[in-house]
């Protein structure tokens, strides 16, 4: 069975695979790869700025707090919309290991099912990320 057709939105963000067809390298030029990494970093900064405005705190204030909804939202959005790996997200969050990042991403998704306010925050972040 063929995969569903991907929705393409002008100016939208799209998931990028880590390898090409038949496991070929995606980037043959280091400059292209460097530009790709810059785009990921810009996306992370934008996500952090959105959550900072929602929380009224800076990233440095809440990035190391276990279970903090702001930190977990940033990790979730960075994974879902920023194309960042668990390792990259962990480094950005002050040295979390990838297992802890994966747990935080799962935790925020599960909590949002039961909490309307958190669901609204995720929708707001999603709208900002796909604009």
Protein backbone atom coordinates (compact mmCIF):
# COMPACT_ATOMS: atom_id res chain seq x y z
CA UNK A 1 0.00 0.00 0.00
CA UNK A 2 1.37 3.40 -0.99
CA UNK A 3 1.89 6.10 1.62
CA UNK A 4 -0.61 8.99 1.69
CA UNK A 5 0.14 12.04 -0.41
CA UNK A 6 2.02 14.71 1.55
CA UNK A 7 0.32 18.04 2.03
CA UNK A 8 2.45 20.90 0.76
CA UNK A 9 1.88 24.41 2.08
CA UNK A 10 3.66 27.44 0.65
CA UNK A 11 6.05 28.71 3.30
CA UNK A 12 5.24 25.74 5.53
CA UNK A 13 7.72 23.59 7.37
CA UNK A 14 8.28 20.04 6.26
CA UNK A 15 10.01 17.09 7.86
CA UNK A 16 13.40 16.36 6.32
CA UNK A 17 14.74 12.81 6.26
CA UNK A 18 18.30 12.13 7.37
CA UNK A 19 19.22 10.25 4.21
CA UNK A 20 18.40 10.18 0.54
CA UNK A 21 17.03 7.49 -1.75
CA UNK A 22 18.77 4.13 -1.23
CA UNK A 23 20.52 5.63 1.81
CA UNK A 24 22.47 8.10 -0.31
CA UNK A 25 23.81 11.24 1.36
CA UNK A 26 21.45 14.22 1.27
CA UNK A 27 24.19 16.82 1.32
CA UNK A 28 27.15 16.65 -1.01
CA UNK A 29 28.33 20.15 -0.16
CA UNK A 30 29.35 21.18 3.37
CA UNK A 31 27.88 24.64 2.82
CA UNK A 32 24.43 23.16 2.13
CA UNK A 33 24.67 21.09 5.30
CA UNK A 34 25.79 24.13 7.31
CA UNK A 35 22.83 26.11 5.98
CA UNK A 36 20.50 23.24 6.94
CA UNK A 37 21.89 23.29 10.51
CA UNK A 38 21.40 27.07 10.66
CA UNK A 39 17.74 26.66 9.68
CA UNK A 40 17.24 24.10 12.45
CA UNK A 41 18.85 26.45 14.98
CA UNK A 42 16.65 29.35 13.84
CA UNK A 43 13.56 27.16 14.23
CA UNK A 44 14.60 26.19 17.76
CA UNK A 45 15.13 29.84 18.69
CA UNK A 46 11.70 30.73 17.31
CA UNK A 47 10.02 27.93 19.28
CA UNK A 48 11.80 29.00 22.47
CA UNK A 49 10.72 32.62 21.93
CA UNK A 50 7.07 31.57 21.52
CA UNK A 51 7.11 29.55 24.75
CA UNK A 52 8.99 32.29 26.62
CA UNK A 53 6.21 34.73 25.73
CA UNK A 54 3.53 32.24 26.85
CA UNK A 55 5.28 31.49 30.16
CA UNK A 56 6.56 34.96 30.93
CA UNK A 57 9.99 33.47 31.78
CA UNK A 58 13.24 33.09 29.91
CA UNK A 59 14.46 29.74 28.56
CA UNK A 60 17.35 29.83 31.04
CA UNK A 61 14.83 30.01 33.90
CA UNK A 62 12.87 26.88 32.97
CA UNK A 63 15.00 24.71 30.69
CA UNK A 64 16.43 22.62 33.54
CA UNK A 65 13.19 22.12 35.48
CA UNK A 66 12.07 18.49 35.38
CA UNK A 67 8.47 18.23 34.17
CA UNK A 68 8.13 21.95 33.41
CA UNK A 69 5.46 22.29 30.76
CA UNK A 70 7.36 25.06 28.99
CA UNK A 71 10.51 23.00 28.64
CA UNK A 72 8.52 19.98 27.49
CA UNK A 73 6.60 22.06 24.92
CA UNK A 74 9.89 23.37 23.49
CA UNK A 75 11.25 19.81 23.26
CA UNK A 76 8.01 18.55 21.68
CA UNK A 77 7.89 21.35 19.10
CA UNK A 78 11.61 21.10 18.35
CA UNK A 79 11.14 17.40 17.64
CA UNK A 80 7.90 17.75 15.69
CA UNK A 81 8.49 20.97 13.75
CA UNK A 82 12.19 21.73 14.08
CA UNK A 83 13.45 18.38 12.79
CA UNK A 84 15.90 18.18 15.69
CA UNK A 85 17.22 14.88 16.96
CA UNK A 86 16.78 13.83 20.58
CA UNK A 87 20.50 14.43 21.11
CA UNK A 88 20.34 17.97 19.68
CA UNK A 89 17.31 18.76 21.84
CA UNK A 90 19.04 17.39 24.93
CA UNK A 91 22.07 19.59 24.32
CA UNK A 92 19.84 22.64 23.82
CA UNK A 93 18.06 21.85 27.10
CA UNK A 94 21.23 21.93 29.12
CA UNK A 95 22.60 18.43 28.70
CA UNK A 96 19.59 16.11 28.95
CA UNK A 97 20.16 12.61 27.64
CA UNK A 98 18.08 11.44 24.68
CA UNK A 99 15.99 9.02 26.79
CA UNK A 100 14.91 11.91 29.06
CA UNK A 101 14.08 14.06 26.02
CA UNK A 102 11.97 11.27 24.51
CA UNK A 103 10.13 10.87 27.83
CA UNK A 104 9.47 14.63 28.02
CA UNK A 105 8.10 14.68 24.46
CA UNK A 106 5.80 11.73 25.24
CA UNK A 107 4.78 13.25 28.58
CA UNK A 108 3.66 16.57 27.08
CA UNK A 109 1.63 14.80 24.38
CA UNK A 110 -0.08 12.61 27.01
CA UNK A 111 -0.77 15.52 29.37
CA UNK A 112 -2.28 17.60 26.57
CA UNK A 113 -4.98 14.96 26.03
CA UNK A 114 -6.31 15.54 29.55
CA UNK A 115 -5.66 19.30 29.92
CA UNK A 116 -7.52 21.75 27.73
CA UNK A 117 -5.18 24.67 28.56
CA UNK A 118 -2.11 22.68 27.57
CA UNK A 119 -3.85 21.51 24.40
CA UNK A 120 -4.51 25.18 23.56
CA UNK A 121 -0.82 25.99 24.12
CA UNK A 122 0.25 23.17 21.76
CA UNK A 123 -2.22 24.40 19.13
CA UNK A 124 -0.87 27.95 19.47
CA UNK A 125 2.74 26.74 19.11
CA UNK A 126 1.73 24.60 16.14
CA UNK A 127 0.08 27.57 14.39
CA UNK A 128 3.20 29.68 14.93
CA UNK A 129 5.49 26.92 13.68
CA UNK A 130 3.61 26.26 10.46
CA UNK A 131 3.07 29.90 9.46
